[in-house]
Amino acid sequence: MADEGMRPIIVKRIKKTAGGHHGGAWKIAYADFVTAMMAFFLLMWLLGSTSKGDLEGIAEHFKNPLKVAMAGGDGSGDSSSIIKGGGTDLTRRNGQVKKGDMETNKKTYDLNDAKAALEKAEGERLRTLKAKIEAVIDANPTLKKYQNQLLLDITSEGLRIQIVDEQNRPMFALAKATLQPYTSDILHVLGMVLNDVPNRIGLSGHTDSTPYFSDAGYSNWELSADRANASRRAMVVGGLADDKILRVVGLAAAAPLDRADPFSPINRRISIIVMNKRTEDAVMRDAATLDVPAQDGAAAAEAVVAATK
């Protein structure tokens, strides 16, 4: 019993570690949560900033990716689209264009600049021609007597020269296409002057609104066309090359010069247009629809006259 009382007493102490909440595992979970939230808000931002059409394209892409890829166009291959090809072209910076785009734009700008320069030069040439004709009229005693009946201005079609009637000085015989002698003189001089310019020429005949209709059906339309064609012949006699004339038309009383008084003598006139390039191209296209050879100016003139009858 004494021996038992002397036995050493052994006390076992269990060392407890710190609680789980002091570990680092929670940090990983929190980082995953933050990443997921960032992805969610980024998705919401993208959906909110994308147009309805693009959203439909995205939906179609995920429904039928192979069909969209095979079809081309919307949904594949274009690096300029968010949907097409999988995103914006990251090789482009803001304001930067690719070499091919830059060359295309440069060609467009060069073409526009060249066209503008040509139109400007042509406008200057027509204004110079206008001043030259005015000087010829002023220096020619025959033409100077009829200066009030010669009207010159620049229009969208080119240089317009109009020979108008006066009350006591008509250009043609009454209700006929026969030129008065002074009208022939004016047209001869104009034919000689206009032959020196490269532009093509158009002529149109006009009457006033006084009704005219013969038993044979001859009206102001036929009369104005015949007067325009008679003027063409007089200009050719004066020296104008026949192939420079591109258009001869009769407009009757459809385009009066004096709109306030459609019966005014000034509405009876011959209008000569020295065409600019734009007008010439438009007339050539119209001539092509009539199957008229573009190089045959006389044939084109006769065809247009015939079309007005």
C-alpha atoms as a PDB file:
ATOM      1  CA  MET A   1       0.000   0.000   0.000  1.00  0.00           C
ATOM      2  CA  ALA A   2       2.921   2.260   0.808  1.00  0.00           C
ATOM      3  CA  ASP A   3       4.356   1.560  -2.616  1.00  0.00           C
ATOM      4  CA  GLU A   4       1.137   2.512  -4.273  1.00  0.00           C
ATOM      5  CA  GLY A   5       1.100   5.863  -2.515  1.00  0.00           C
ATOM      6  CA  MET A   6       4.517   6.698  -3.849  1.00  0.00           C
ATOM      7  CA  ARG A   7       3.654   6.248  -7.531  1.00  0.00           C
ATOM      8  CA  PRO A   8       4.125   9.383  -9.583  1.00  0.00           C
ATOM      9  CA  ILE A   9       0.988  11.125 -10.800  1.00  0.00           C
ATOM     10  CA  ILE A  10       1.072  11.663 -14.600  1.00  0.00           C
ATOM     11  CA  VAL A  11      -1.063  14.526 -15.907  1.00  0.00           C
ATOM     12  CA  LYS A  12      -1.785  14.508 -19.668  1.00  0.00           C
ATOM     13  CA  ARG A  13      -2.387  17.944 -21.150  1.00  0.00           C
ATOM     14  CA  ILE A  14      -4.010  18.105 -24.608  1.00  0.00           C
ATOM     15  CA  LYS A  15      -2.720  21.073 -26.597  1.00  0.00           C
ATOM     16  CA  LYS A  16      -5.572  22.656 -28.507  1.00  0.00           C
ATOM     17  CA  THR A  17      -4.811  24.380 -31.834  1.00  0.00           C
ATOM     18  CA  ALA A  18      -6.335  27.694 -32.871  1.00  0.00           C
ATOM     19  CA  GLY A  19      -9.891  27.706 -34.195  1.00  0.00           C
ATOM     20  CA  GLY A  20     -10.610  27.122 -37.905  1.00  0.00           C
ATOM     21  CA  HIS A  21     -11.742  30.700 -38.366  1.00  0.00           C
ATOM     22  CA  HIS A  22      -8.157  31.866 -38.001  1.00  0.00           C
ATOM     23  CA  GLY A  23      -6.980  29.844 -41.064  1.00  0.00           C
ATOM     24  CA  GLY A  24      -6.556  31.077 -44.789  1.00  0.00           C
ATOM     25  CA  ALA A  25      -9.037  28.897 -46.647  1.00  0.00           C
ATOM     26  CA  TRP A  26     -11.721  31.592 -46.474  1.00  0.00           C
ATOM     27  CA  LYS A  27      -9.557  33.967 -48.529  1.00  0.00           C
ATOM     28  CA  ILE A  28      -9.640  31.644 -51.534  1.00  0.00           C
ATOM     29  CA  ALA A  29     -13.408  31.360 -51.317  1.00  0.00           C
ATOM     30  CA  TYR A  30     -13.767  35.151 -51.047  1.00  0.00           C
ATOM     31  CA  ALA A  31     -11.507  35.698 -54.087  1.00  0.00           C
ATOM     32  CA  ASP A  32     -13.628  33.274 -56.108  1.00  0.00           C
ATOM     33  CA  PHE A  33     -16.743  35.161 -55.047  1.00  0.00           C
ATOM     34  CA  VAL A  34     -15.290  38.556 -56.045  1.00  0.00           C
ATOM     35  CA  THR A  35     -14.155  37.182 -59.400  1.00  0.00           C
ATOM     36  CA  ALA A  36     -17.609  35.773 -60.065  1.00  0.00           C
ATOM     37  CA  MET A  37     -19.218  39.130 -59.185  1.00  0.00           C
ATOM     38  CA  MET A  38     -16.827  41.006 -61.486  1.00  0.00           C
ATOM     39  CA  ALA A  39     -17.652  38.629 -64.327  1.00  0.00           C
ATOM     40  CA  PHE A  40     -21.357  39.063 -63.636  1.00  0.00           C
ATOM     41  CA  PHE A  41     -21.214  42.870 -63.677  1.00  0.00           C
ATOM     42  CA  LEU A  42     -19.029  42.817 -66.791  1.00  0.00           C
ATOM     43  CA  LEU A  43     -21.609  40.616 -68.516  1.00  0.00           C
ATOM     44  CA  MET A  44     -24.404  42.994 -67.451  1.00  0.00           C
ATOM     45  CA  TRP A  45     -22.438  45.978 -68.815  1.00  0.00           C
ATOM     46  CA  LEU A  46     -21.803  44.268 -72.147  1.00  0.00           C
ATOM     47  CA  LEU A  47     -25.439  43.271 -72.531  1.00  0.00           C
ATOM     48  CA  GLY A  48     -26.563  46.796 -71.671  1.00  0.00           C
ATOM     49  CA  SER A  49     -24.228  48.450 -74.191  1.00  0.00           C
ATOM     50  CA  THR A  50     -24.980  46.071 -77.089  1.00  0.00           C
ATOM     51  CA  SER A  51     -27.641  46.905 -79.667  1.00  0.00           C
ATOM     52  CA  LYS A  52     -30.698  44.760 -80.158  1.00  0.00           C
ATOM     53  CA  GLY A  53     -29.472  43.559 -83.549  1.00  0.00           C
ATOM     54  CA  ASP A  54     -26.133  42.474 -82.095  1.00  0.00           C
ATOM     55  CA  LEU A  55     -27.890  40.645 -79.278  1.00  0.00           C
ATOM     56  CA  GLU A  56     -29.956  38.762 -81.839  1.00  0.00           C
ATOM     57  CA  GLY A  57     -26.755  37.954 -83.706  1.00  0.00           C
ATOM     58  CA  ILE A  58     -25.131  36.633 -80.518  1.00  0.00           C
ATOM     59  CA  ALA A  59     -28.160  34.472 -79.811  1.00  0.00           C
ATOM     60  CA  GLU A  60     -28.160  33.132 -83.365  1.00  0.00           C
ATOM     61  CA  HIS A  61     -24.425  32.422 -83.141  1.00  0.00           C
ATOM     62  CA  PHE A  62     -24.844  30.280 -80.042  1.00  0.00           C
ATOM     63  CA  LYS A  63     -27.942  28.548 -81.443  1.00  0.00           C
ATOM     64  CA  ASN A  64     -26.358  27.649 -84.781  1.00  0.00           C
ATOM     65  CA  PRO A  65     -22.609  28.387 -84.673  1.00  0.00           C
ATOM     66  CA  LEU A  66     -21.783  26.177 -87.655  1.00  0.00           C
ATOM     67  CA  LYS A  67     -24.543  27.699 -89.812  1.00  0.00           C
ATOM     68  CA  VAL A  68     -23.363  31.249 -89.089  1.00  0.00           C
ATOM     69  CA  ALA A  69     -19.733  30.378 -89.741  1.00  0.00           C
ATOM     70  CA  MET A  70     -20.542  28.690 -93.058  1.00  0.00           C
ATOM     71  CA  ALA A  71     -22.816  31.494 -94.225  1.00  0.00           C
ATOM     72  CA  GLY A  72     -20.199  34.224 -93.851  1.00  0.00           C
ATOM     73  CA  GLY A  73     -21.145  37.893 -93.623  1.00  0.00           C
ATOM     74  CA  ASP A  74     -22.942  38.671 -90.365  1.00  0.00           C
ATOM     75  CA  GLY A  75     -21.556  36.411 -87.692  1.00  0.00           C
ATOM     76  CA  SER A  76     -18.165  35.493 -89.150  1.00  0.00           C
ATOM     77  CA  GLY A  77     -14.930  36.824 -90.407  1.00  0.00           C
ATOM     78  CA  ASP A  78     -15.204  40.605 -90.046  1.00  0.00           C
ATOM     79  CA  SER A  79     -12.847  41.926 -87.409  1.00  0.00           C
ATOM     80  CA  SER A  80     -14.688  45.254 -87.203  1.00  0.00           C
ATOM     81  CA  SER A  81     -17.677  43.706 -85.392  1.00  0.00           C
ATOM     82  CA  ILE A  82     -18.117  42.435 -81.857  1.00  0.00           C
ATOM     83  CA  ILE A  83     -20.038  39.429 -83.140  1.00  0.00           C
ATOM     84  CA  LYS A  84     -18.267  38.839 -86.417  1.00  0.00           C
ATOM     85  CA  GLY A  85     -15.076  36.921 -85.876  1.00  0.00           C
ATOM     86  CA  GLY A  86     -15.285  36.945 -82.070  1.00  0.00           C
ATOM     87  CA  GLY A  87     -14.552  40.535 -81.076  1.00  0.00           C
ATOM     88  CA  THR A  88     -13.140  43.908 -81.963  1.00  0.00           C
ATOM     89  CA  ASP A  89      -9.885  43.933 -83.934  1.00  0.00           C
ATOM     90  CA  LEU A  90      -7.325  44.534 -81.183  1.00  0.00           C
ATOM     91  CA  THR A  91      -4.670  45.437 -83.761  1.00  0.00           C
ATOM     92  CA  ARG A  92      -6.511  48.701 -84.425  1.00  0.00           C
ATOM     93  CA  ARG A  93      -6.177  51.714 -82.201  1.00  0.00           C
ATOM     94  CA  ASN A  94      -8.737  54.472 -81.909  1.00  0.00           C
ATOM     95  CA  GLY A  95      -8.604  56.609 -85.031  1.00  0.00           C
ATOM     96  CA  GLN A  96      -6.368  54.128 -86.830  1.00  0.00           C
ATOM     97  CA  VAL A  97      -7.240  52.681 -90.221  1.00  0.00           C
ATOM     98  CA  LYS A  98      -5.723  49.749 -92.000  1.00  0.00           C
ATOM     99  CA  LYS A  99      -3.514  50.226 -95.025  1.00  0.00           C
ATOM    100  CA  GLY A 100      -6.144  48.972 -97.472  1.00  0.00           C
ATOM    101  CA  ASP A 101      -8.782  51.310 -96.011  1.00  0.00           C
ATOM    102  CA  MET A 102      -6.360  54.234 -96.154  1.00  0.00           C
ATOM    103  CA  GLU A 103      -5.507  53.573 -99.819  1.00  0.00           C
ATOM    104  CA  THR A 104      -9.222  53.334-100.727  1.00  0.00           C
ATOM    105  CA  ASN A 105      -9.990  56.616 -98.956  1.00  0.00           C
ATOM    106  CA  LYS A 106      -6.995  58.260-100.606  1.00  0.00           C
ATOM    107  CA  LYS A 107      -8.178  57.180-104.061  1.00  0.00           C
ATOM    108  CA  THR A 108     -11.661  58.532-103.299  1.00  0.00           C
ATOM    109  CA  TYR A 109     -10.272  61.861-102.113  1.00  0.00           C
ATOM    110  CA  ASP A 110      -7.934  62.088-105.109  1.00  0.00           C
ATOM    111  CA  LEU A 111     -10.827  61.412-107.500  1.00  0.00           C
ATOM    112  CA  ASN A 112     -13.044  64.020-105.831  1.00  0.00           C
ATOM    113  CA  ASP A 113     -10.235  66.586-105.831  1.00  0.00           C
ATOM    114  CA  ALA A 114      -9.515  65.958-109.507  1.00  0.00           C
ATOM    115  CA  LYS A 115     -13.206  66.238-110.388  1.00  0.00           C
ATOM    116  CA  ALA A 116     -13.539  69.495-108.454  1.00  0.00           C
ATOM    117  CA  ALA A 117     -10.431  70.892-110.158  1.00  0.00           C
ATOM    118  CA  LEU A 118     -11.792  69.981-113.605  1.00  0.00           C
ATOM    119  CA  GLU A 119     -15.161  71.588-112.869  1.00  0.00           C
ATOM    120  CA  LYS A 120     -13.445  74.733-111.611  1.00  0.00           C
ATOM    121  CA  ALA A 121     -11.257  74.955-114.719  1.00  0.00           C
ATOM    122  CA  GLU A 122     -14.283  74.358-116.944  1.00  0.00           C
ATOM    123  CA  GLY A 123     -16.226  77.081-115.159  1.00  0.00           C
ATOM    124  CA  GLU A 124     -13.378  79.523-115.707  1.00  0.00           C
ATOM    125  CA  ARG A 125     -13.241  78.578-119.393  1.00  0.00           C
ATOM    126  CA  LEU A 126     -16.982  79.177-119.812  1.00  0.00           C
ATOM    127  CA  ARG A 127     -16.757  82.550-118.086  1.00  0.00           C
ATOM    128  CA  THR A 128     -13.883  83.486-120.385  1.00  0.00           C
ATOM    129  CA  LEU A 129     -15.968  82.397-123.376  1.00  0.00           C
ATOM    130  CA  LYS A 130     -18.887  84.518-122.151  1.00  0.00           C
ATOM    131  CA  ALA A 131     -16.642  87.584-121.953  1.00  0.00           C
ATOM    132  CA  LYS A 132     -15.252  86.818-125.422  1.00  0.00           C
ATOM    133  CA  ILE A 133     -18.731  86.575-126.989  1.00  0.00           C
ATOM    134  CA  GLU A 134     -19.783  89.806-125.278  1.00  0.00           C
ATOM    135  CA  ALA A 135     -16.682  91.491-126.721  1.00  0.00           C
ATOM    136  CA  VAL A 136     -17.454  90.134-130.204  1.00  0.00           C
ATOM    137  CA  ILE A 137     -21.027  91.439-129.969  1.00  0.00           C
ATOM    138  CA  ASP A 138     -19.805  94.845-128.828  1.00  0.00           C
ATOM    139  CA  ALA A 139     -17.198  95.061-131.580  1.00  0.00           C
ATOM    140  CA  ASN A 140     -19.409  93.817-134.423  1.00  0.00           C
ATOM    141  CA  PRO A 141     -21.678  96.600-135.755  1.00  0.00           C
ATOM    142  CA  THR A 142     -24.204  94.095-137.103  1.00  0.00           C
ATOM    143  CA  LEU A 143     -24.516  92.244-133.802  1.00  0.00           C
ATOM    144  CA  LYS A 144     -24.394  95.355-131.640  1.00  0.00           C
ATOM    145  CA  LYS A 145     -27.694  96.535-133.144  1.00  0.00           C
ATOM    146  CA  TYR A 146     -29.334  93.423-131.687  1.00  0.00           C
ATOM    147  CA  GLN A 147     -27.504  93.443-128.359  1.00  0.00           C
ATOM    148  CA  ASN A 148     -30.756  93.713-126.405  1.00  0.00           C
ATOM    149  CA  GLN A 149     -31.938  90.464-127.959  1.00  0.00           C
ATOM    150  CA  LEU A 150     -28.832  88.496-126.933  1.00  0.00           C
ATOM    151  CA  LEU A 151     -28.855  87.219-123.346  1.00  0.00           C
ATOM    152  CA  LEU A 152     -25.829  85.410-121.881  1.00  0.00           C
ATOM    153  CA  ASP A 153     -25.607  83.708-118.489  1.00  0.00           C
ATOM    154  CA  ILE A 154     -23.993  80.743-116.719  1.00  0.00           C
ATOM    155  CA  THR A 155     -26.404  77.969-115.681  1.00  0.00           C
ATOM    156  CA  SER A 156     -26.053  74.508-114.166  1.00  0.00           C
ATOM    157  CA  GLU A 157     -25.827  73.108-117.724  1.00  0.00           C
ATOM    158  CA  GLY A 158     -23.117  75.494-118.935  1.00  0.00           C
ATOM    159  CA  LEU A 159     -23.001  78.808-120.791  1.00  0.00           C
ATOM    160  CA  ARG A 160     -26.452  79.763-122.092  1.00  0.00           C
ATOM    161  CA  ILE A 161     -26.849  82.121-125.055  1.00  0.00           C
ATOM    162  CA  GLN A 162     -30.437  83.153-125.808  1.00  0.00           C
ATOM    163  CA  ILE A 163     -31.651  84.995-128.894  1.00  0.00           C
ATOM    164  CA  VAL A 164     -35.058  86.426-128.085  1.00  0.00           C
ATOM    165  CA  ASP A 165     -37.810  88.124-130.051  1.00  0.00           C
ATOM    166  CA  GLU A 166     -38.742  91.760-129.714  1.00  0.00           C
ATOM    167  CA  GLN A 167     -42.185  93.077-130.458  1.00  0.00           C
ATOM    168  CA  ASN A 168     -41.179  94.612-133.787  1.00  0.00           C
ATOM    169  CA  ARG A 169     -38.185  92.414-134.514  1.00  0.00           C
ATOM    170  CA  PRO A 170     -39.044  88.682-134.628  1.00  0.00           C
ATOM    171  CA  MET A 171     -36.366  86.096-135.346  1.00  0.00           C
ATOM    172  CA  PHE A 172     -38.544  83.968-137.603  1.00  0.00           C
ATOM    173  CA  ALA A 173     -41.314  84.486-140.086  1.00  0.00           C
ATOM    174  CA  LEU A 174     -44.757  84.358-138.482  1.00  0.00           C
ATOM    175  CA  ALA A 175     -45.717  80.754-137.582  1.00  0.00           C
ATOM    176  CA  LYS A 176     -42.818  79.419-139.650  1.00  0.00           C
ATOM    177  CA  ALA A 177     -39.280  78.122-139.127  1.00  0.00           C
ATOM    178  CA  THR A 178     -37.807  80.534-141.683  1.00  0.00           C
ATOM    179  CA  LEU A 179     -34.970  82.612-140.205  1.00  0.00           C
ATOM    180  CA  GLN A 180     -34.962  86.377-140.618  1.00  0.00           C
ATOM    181  CA  PRO A 181     -31.728  87.676-142.229  1.00  0.00           C
ATOM    182  CA  TYR A 182     -30.446  89.293-139.028  1.00  0.00           C
ATOM    183  CA  THR A 183     -31.029  86.045-137.097  1.00  0.00           C
ATOM    184  CA  SER A 184     -28.923  84.172-139.654  1.00  0.00           C
ATOM    185  CA  ASP A 185     -26.131  86.744-139.219  1.00  0.00           C
ATOM    186  CA  ILE A 186     -26.137  86.301-135.443  1.00  0.00           C
ATOM    187  CA  LEU A 187     -26.081  82.507-135.712  1.00  0.00           C
ATOM    188  CA  HIS A 188     -23.273  82.560-138.292  1.00  0.00           C
ATOM    189  CA  VAL A 189     -21.047  84.582-135.939  1.00  0.00           C
ATOM    190  CA  LEU A 190     -21.901  82.401-132.945  1.00  0.00           C
ATOM    191  CA  GLY A 191     -21.174  79.252-134.959  1.00  0.00           C
ATOM    192  CA  MET A 192     -17.722  80.553-135.827  1.00  0.00           C
ATOM    193  CA  VAL A 193     -16.913  81.569-132.222  1.00  0.00           C
ATOM    194  CA  LEU A 194     -18.246  78.389-130.578  1.00  0.00           C
ATOM    195  CA  ASN A 195     -16.320  76.132-132.948  1.00  0.00           C
ATOM    196  CA  ASP A 196     -13.116  77.139-131.154  1.00  0.00           C
ATOM    197  CA  VAL A 197     -14.178  75.664-127.799  1.00  0.00           C
ATOM    198  CA  PRO A 198     -14.007  71.919-126.979  1.00  0.00           C
ATOM    199  CA  ASN A 199     -17.491  71.831-125.426  1.00  0.00           C
ATOM    200  CA  ARG A 200     -20.473  70.249-127.145  1.00  0.00           C
ATOM    201  CA  ILE A 201     -23.497  72.355-128.072  1.00  0.00           C
ATOM    202  CA  GLY A 202     -27.227  72.001-127.413  1.00  0.00           C
ATOM    203  CA  LEU A 203     -30.055  74.018-128.977  1.00  0.00           C
ATOM    204  CA  SER A 204     -33.658  74.396-127.907  1.00  0.00           C
ATOM    205  CA  GLY A 205     -36.536  76.252-129.552  1.00  0.00           C
ATOM    206  CA  HIS A 206     -39.244  78.038-127.558  1.00  0.00           C
ATOM    207  CA  THR A 207     -42.568  79.683-128.399  1.00  0.00           C
ATOM    208  CA  ASP A 208     -44.932  81.826-126.364  1.00  0.00           C
ATOM    209  CA  SER A 209     -48.243  80.483-125.083  1.00  0.00           C
ATOM    210  CA  THR A 210     -50.320  81.711-128.024  1.00  0.00           C
ATOM    211  CA  PRO A 211     -52.221  78.610-129.207  1.00  0.00           C
ATOM    212  CA  TYR A 212     -51.159  77.367-132.615  1.00  0.00           C
ATOM    213  CA  PHE A 213     -52.484  74.243-134.271  1.00  0.00           C
ATOM    214  CA  SER A 214     -52.936  73.519-137.976  1.00  0.00           C
ATOM    215  CA  ASP A 215     -55.353  71.135-139.625  1.00  0.00           C
ATOM    216  CA  ALA A 216     -52.448  68.745-140.219  1.00  0.00           C
ATOM    217  CA  GLY A 217     -51.715  68.567-136.466  1.00  0.00           C
ATOM    218  CA  TYR A 218     -48.735  70.961-136.617  1.00  0.00           C
ATOM    219  CA  SER A 219     -48.471  72.754-133.258  1.00  0.00           C
ATOM    220  CA  ASN A 220     -46.082  74.856-131.190  1.00  0.00           C
ATOM    221  CA  TRP A 221     -44.149  71.670-130.394  1.00  0.00           C
ATOM    222  CA  GLU A 222     -43.315  70.990-134.041  1.00  0.00           C
ATOM    223  CA  LEU A 223     -42.739  74.690-134.698  1.00  0.00           C
ATOM    224  CA  SER A 224     -40.244  75.091-131.825  1.00  0.00           C
ATOM    225  CA  ALA A 225     -38.366  71.918-132.860  1.00  0.00           C
ATOM    226  CA  ASP A 226     -38.152  73.044-136.503  1.00  0.00           C
ATOM    227  CA  ARG A 227     -36.896  76.482-135.454  1.00  0.00           C
ATOM    228  CA  ALA A 228     -34.206  74.914-133.278  1.00  0.00           C
ATOM    229  CA  ASN A 229     -33.106  72.718-136.176  1.00  0.00           C
ATOM    230  CA  ALA A 230     -33.089  75.704-138.559  1.00  0.00           C
ATOM    231  CA  SER A 231     -30.809  77.490-136.082  1.00  0.00           C
ATOM    232  CA  ARG A 232     -28.516  74.463-136.034  1.00  0.00           C
ATOM    233  CA  ARG A 233     -28.173  74.585-139.816  1.00  0.00           C
ATOM    234  CA  ALA A 234     -27.372  78.314-139.732  1.00  0.00           C
ATOM    235  CA  MET A 235     -24.619  77.790-137.134  1.00  0.00           C
ATOM    236  CA  VAL A 236     -23.100  74.998-139.234  1.00  0.00           C
ATOM    237  CA  VAL A 237     -23.066  77.334-142.238  1.00  0.00           C
ATOM    238  CA  GLY A 238     -21.268  79.887-140.034  1.00  0.00           C
ATOM    239  CA  GLY A 239     -18.473  77.428-139.255  1.00  0.00           C
ATOM    240  CA  LEU A 240     -19.636  75.228-136.382  1.00  0.00           C
ATOM    241  CA  ALA A 241     -18.603  71.612-136.876  1.00  0.00           C
ATOM    242  CA  ASP A 242     -21.699  69.455-137.247  1.00  0.00           C
ATOM    243  CA  ASP A 243     -20.419  66.808-134.810  1.00  0.00           C
ATOM    244  CA  LYS A 244     -20.154  69.389-131.988  1.00  0.00           C
ATOM    245  CA  ILE A 245     -23.943  69.588-131.781  1.00  0.00           C
ATOM    246  CA  LEU A 246     -25.250  67.051-129.295  1.00  0.00           C
ATOM    247  CA  ARG A 247     -28.861  68.018-128.665  1.00  0.00           C
ATOM    248  CA  VAL A 248     -31.622  69.817-130.607  1.00  0.00           C
ATOM    249  CA  VAL A 249     -35.052  69.990-128.968  1.00  0.00           C
ATOM    250  CA  GLY A 250     -38.321  71.867-129.224  1.00  0.00           C
ATOM    251  CA  LEU A 251     -39.944  72.877-125.944  1.00  0.00           C
ATOM    252  CA  ALA A 252     -42.904  74.915-127.241  1.00  0.00           C
ATOM    253  CA  ALA A 253     -44.177  77.121-124.365  1.00  0.00           C
ATOM    254  CA  ALA A 254     -43.196  74.703-121.582  1.00  0.00           C
ATOM    255  CA  ALA A 255     -40.298  76.850-120.257  1.00  0.00           C
ATOM    256  CA  PRO A 256     -41.209  80.560-120.578  1.00  0.00           C
ATOM    257  CA  LEU A 257     -38.511  83.125-119.937  1.00  0.00           C
ATOM    258  CA  ASP A 258     -41.102  85.595-118.658  1.00  0.00           C
ATOM    259  CA  ARG A 259     -43.231  83.516-116.310  1.00  0.00           C
ATOM    260  CA  ALA A 260     -45.381  86.481-115.344  1.00  0.00           C
ATOM    261  CA  ASP A 261     -46.495  86.982-118.962  1.00  0.00           C
ATOM    262  CA  PRO A 262     -46.470  83.688-120.920  1.00  0.00           C
ATOM    263  CA  PHE A 263     -47.598  85.586-124.053  1.00  0.00           C
ATOM    264  CA  SER A 264     -44.619  88.004-123.973  1.00  0.00           C
ATOM    265  CA  PRO A 265     -42.536  88.113-127.209  1.00  0.00           C
ATOM    266  CA  ILE A 266     -39.395  87.428-125.147  1.00  0.00           C
ATOM    267  CA  ASN A 267     -40.620  83.860-124.627  1.00  0.00           C
ATOM    268  CA  ARG A 268     -40.167  83.238-128.366  1.00  0.00           C
ATOM    269  CA  ARG A 269     -36.478  82.426-128.452  1.00  0.00           C
ATOM    270  CA  ILE A 270     -33.631  80.107-129.395  1.00  0.00           C
ATOM    271  CA  SER A 271     -31.493  78.917-126.497  1.00  0.00           C
ATOM    272  CA  ILE A 272     -27.934  77.739-127.191  1.00  0.00           C
ATOM    273  CA  ILE A 273     -26.168  75.823-124.417  1.00  0.00           C
ATOM    274  CA  VAL A 274     -22.387  75.438-124.398  1.00  0.00           C
ATOM    275  CA  MET A 275     -22.499  72.281-122.273  1.00  0.00           C
ATOM    276  CA  ASN A 276     -20.304  71.578-119.303  1.00  0.00           C
ATOM    277  CA  LYS A 277     -18.934  68.059-118.840  1.00  0.00           C
ATOM    278  CA  ARG A 278     -21.708  66.987-116.462  1.00  0.00           C
ATOM    279  CA  THR A 279     -24.453  67.971-118.903  1.00  0.00           C
ATOM    280  CA  GLU A 280     -22.622  66.411-121.823  1.00  0.00           C
ATOM    281  CA  ASP A 281     -22.308  63.104-119.968  1.00  0.00           C
ATOM    282  CA  ALA A 282     -26.020  63.156-119.101  1.00  0.00           C
ATOM    283  CA  VAL A 283     -27.006  63.783-122.729  1.00  0.00           C
ATOM    284  CA  MET A 284     -24.667  61.016-123.909  1.00  0.00           C
ATOM    285  CA  ARG A 285     -26.354  58.580-121.527  1.00  0.00           C
ATOM    286  CA  ASP A 286     -29.758  59.625-122.858  1.00  0.00           C
ATOM    287  CA  ALA A 287     -28.505  59.216-126.424  1.00  0.00           C
ATOM    288  CA  ALA A 288     -27.337  55.703-125.576  1.00  0.00           C
ATOM    289  CA  THR A 289     -30.889  54.786-124.534  1.00  0.00           C
ATOM    290  CA  LEU A 290     -32.047  55.902-127.993  1.00  0.00           C
ATOM    291  CA  ASP A 291     -29.436  53.633-129.628  1.00  0.00           C
ATOM    292  CA  VAL A 292     -27.819  56.680-131.217  1.00  0.00           C
ATOM    293  CA  PRO A 293     -24.052  56.414-131.933  1.00  0.00           C
ATOM    294  CA  ALA A 294     -22.365  58.796-129.501  1.00  0.00           C
ATOM    295  CA  GLN A 295     -19.858  60.043-132.107  1.00  0.00           C
ATOM    296  CA  ASP A 296     -22.552  61.093-134.584  1.00  0.00           C
ATOM    297  CA  GLY A 297     -23.695  64.476-133.273  1.00  0.00           C
ATOM    298  CA  ALA A 298     -25.912  65.259-136.254  1.00  0.00           C
ATOM    299  CA  ALA A 299     -27.697  61.919-135.985  1.00  0.00           C
ATOM    300  CA  ALA A 300     -28.226  62.471-132.263  1.00  0.00           C
ATOM    301  CA  ALA A 301     -29.673  65.906-132.917  1.00  0.00           C
ATOM    302  CA  GLU A 302     -32.078  64.611-135.571  1.00  0.00           C
ATOM    303  CA  ALA A 303     -33.137  61.702-133.321  1.00  0.00           C
ATOM    304  CA  VAL A 304     -33.922  63.999-130.396  1.00  0.00           C
ATOM    305  CA  VAL A 305     -35.857  66.346-132.682  1.00  0.00           C
ATOM    306  CA  ALA A 306     -37.804  63.365-134.005  1.00  0.00           C
ATOM    307  CA  ALA A 307     -38.539  62.249-130.439  1.00  0.00           C
ATOM    308  CA  THR A 308     -40.236  65.564-129.720  1.00  0.00           C
ATOM    309  CA  LYS A 309     -42.659  65.191-132.618  1.00  0.00           C
END
